[in-house]
Amino acid sequence: MELQRSSVFKELADGDPDLEEKIAANYELINKPEGTVDEIAERARDAYIMSMEIGHEDLIDGPITPPEGPGSPVGGGGGASGVSSEVKDFGRQFGLSDADWDKYNK
């Protein structure tokens, strides 16, 4: 089994020793069975995806920019009058009153 795992790691890393090391480390983090060659390949594929670090920095560390563009308040900043009745109804389920909307949404 160990030989099969390392063979799959080498193939996925395509000659990059750092990537191969990351795949091996992430492989150990994944809690999936590895009794067959197919199970090893599936677990290694998941470890490869985790190791590629594709774009996750942008999602975690990137700035939150509202659709109106940088500098505009998130949510449009429309105040209580700009909040739809559906959103207000949803807020009421959590104990928010119309006075709360007026007080906190200025």
Protein backbone atom coordinates (compact mmCIF):
# COMPACT_ATOMS: atom_id res chain seq x y z
CA MET A 1 0.00 0.00 0.00
CA GLU A 2 2.78 2.45 0.90
CA LEU A 3 4.40 1.94 -2.51
CA GLN A 4 1.06 2.58 -4.25
CA ARG A 5 0.53 5.76 -2.22
CA SER A 6 3.97 7.19 -2.94
CA SER A 7 3.61 6.30 -6.61
CA VAL A 8 0.31 8.20 -6.80
CA PHE A 9 1.83 11.17 -4.91
CA LYS A 10 4.76 11.34 -7.36
CA GLU A 11 2.44 11.20 -10.35
CA LEU A 12 0.17 13.94 -9.02
CA ALA A 13 3.11 16.17 -8.05
CA ASP A 14 4.62 15.88 -11.54
CA GLY A 15 8.21 16.22 -10.32
CA ASP A 16 7.59 18.97 -7.74
CA PRO A 17 9.01 17.68 -4.43
CA ASP A 18 7.33 20.42 -2.37
CA LEU A 19 3.93 19.60 -3.85
CA GLU A 20 4.55 15.89 -3.29
CA GLU A 21 5.29 16.62 0.37
CA LYS A 22 2.10 18.68 0.71
CA ILE A 23 0.04 15.94 -0.92
CA ALA A 24 1.46 13.36 1.50
CA ALA A 25 0.74 15.59 4.50
CA ASN A 26 -2.81 16.37 3.36
CA TYR A 27 -3.39 12.70 2.54
CA GLU A 28 -2.89 11.90 6.23
CA LEU A 29 -5.44 14.56 7.21
CA ILE A 30 -8.21 13.04 5.09
CA ASN A 31 -10.33 10.49 6.88
CA LYS A 32 -11.33 8.14 4.06
CA PRO A 33 -10.71 4.41 3.60
CA GLU A 34 -7.69 3.26 1.64
CA GLY A 35 -8.24 -0.47 1.19
CA THR A 36 -8.17 -0.51 -2.60
CA VAL A 37 -6.15 1.23 -5.32
CA ASP A 38 -9.24 3.26 -6.27
CA GLU A 39 -9.73 4.43 -2.67
CA ILE A 40 -6.06 5.45 -2.46
CA ALA A 41 -6.39 7.36 -5.75
CA GLU A 42 -9.55 9.15 -4.58
CA ARG A 43 -8.00 10.14 -1.26
CA ALA A 44 -4.80 11.26 -3.02
CA ARG A 45 -6.85 13.34 -5.49
CA ASP A 46 -8.53 15.13 -2.58
CA ALA A 47 -5.12 15.69 -0.97
CA TYR A 48 -3.83 17.10 -4.28
CA ILE A 49 -6.74 19.55 -4.46
CA MET A 50 -6.05 20.68 -0.89
CA SER A 51 -2.36 21.08 -1.72
CA MET A 52 -2.82 23.27 -4.78
CA GLU A 53 -3.89 26.34 -2.75
CA ILE A 54 -5.92 27.67 -5.66
CA GLY A 55 -7.36 31.07 -4.87
CA HIS A 56 -8.15 30.45 -1.22
CA GLU A 57 -6.12 33.48 -0.17
CA ASP A 58 -8.48 35.71 -2.12
CA LEU A 59 -11.49 34.23 -0.40
CA ILE A 60 -10.08 34.42 3.11
CA ASP A 61 -7.78 37.42 3.10
CA GLY A 62 -9.19 39.53 0.29
CA PRO A 63 -11.15 42.69 0.94
CA ILE A 64 -14.91 42.59 0.99
CA THR A 65 -16.08 44.90 -1.75
CA PRO A 66 -19.76 45.71 -2.04
CA PRO A 67 -21.38 45.47 -5.47
CA GLU A 68 -21.65 49.27 -5.63
CA GLY A 69 -17.84 49.45 -5.64
CA PRO A 70 -15.11 50.29 -3.13
CA GLY A 71 -15.96 52.99 -0.62
CA SER A 72 -19.69 52.38 -0.63
CA PRO A 73 -21.22 50.82 2.47
CA VAL A 74 -21.76 47.08 2.45
CA GLY A 75 -25.46 46.38 1.98
CA GLY A 76 -26.12 49.63 0.17
CA GLY A 77 -26.47 51.66 3.38
CA GLY A 78 -30.07 52.45 2.54
CA GLY A 79 -31.19 52.68 6.16
CA ALA A 80 -34.44 51.24 7.41
CA SER A 81 -36.40 52.56 4.45
CA GLY A 82 -34.11 50.63 2.09
CA VAL A 83 -34.70 47.31 3.84
CA SER A 84 -37.30 45.11 2.22
CA SER A 85 -40.32 43.89 4.14
CA GLU A 86 -39.07 40.31 3.69
CA VAL A 87 -35.83 41.15 5.48
CA LYS A 88 -37.73 42.93 8.25
CA ASP A 89 -40.02 39.90 8.65
CA PHE A 90 -36.96 37.68 8.88
CA GLY A 91 -35.47 40.00 11.52
CA ARG A 92 -38.68 39.79 13.56
CA GLN A 93 -38.06 36.06 13.92
CA PHE A 94 -34.94 37.03 15.87
CA GLY A 95 -36.68 39.66 17.98
CA LEU A 96 -35.92 42.78 15.92
CA SER A 97 -38.61 45.42 15.97
CA ASP A 98 -39.21 48.35 13.62
CA ALA A 99 -37.65 50.57 16.28
CA ASP A 100 -34.50 48.41 16.11
CA TRP A 101 -34.33 48.90 12.34
CA ASP A 102 -34.67 52.66 12.79
CA LYS A 103 -32.09 52.78 15.58
CA TYR A 104 -29.37 50.61 14.03
CA ASN A 105 -29.81 51.17 10.32
CA LYS A 106 -29.02 54.86 10.02
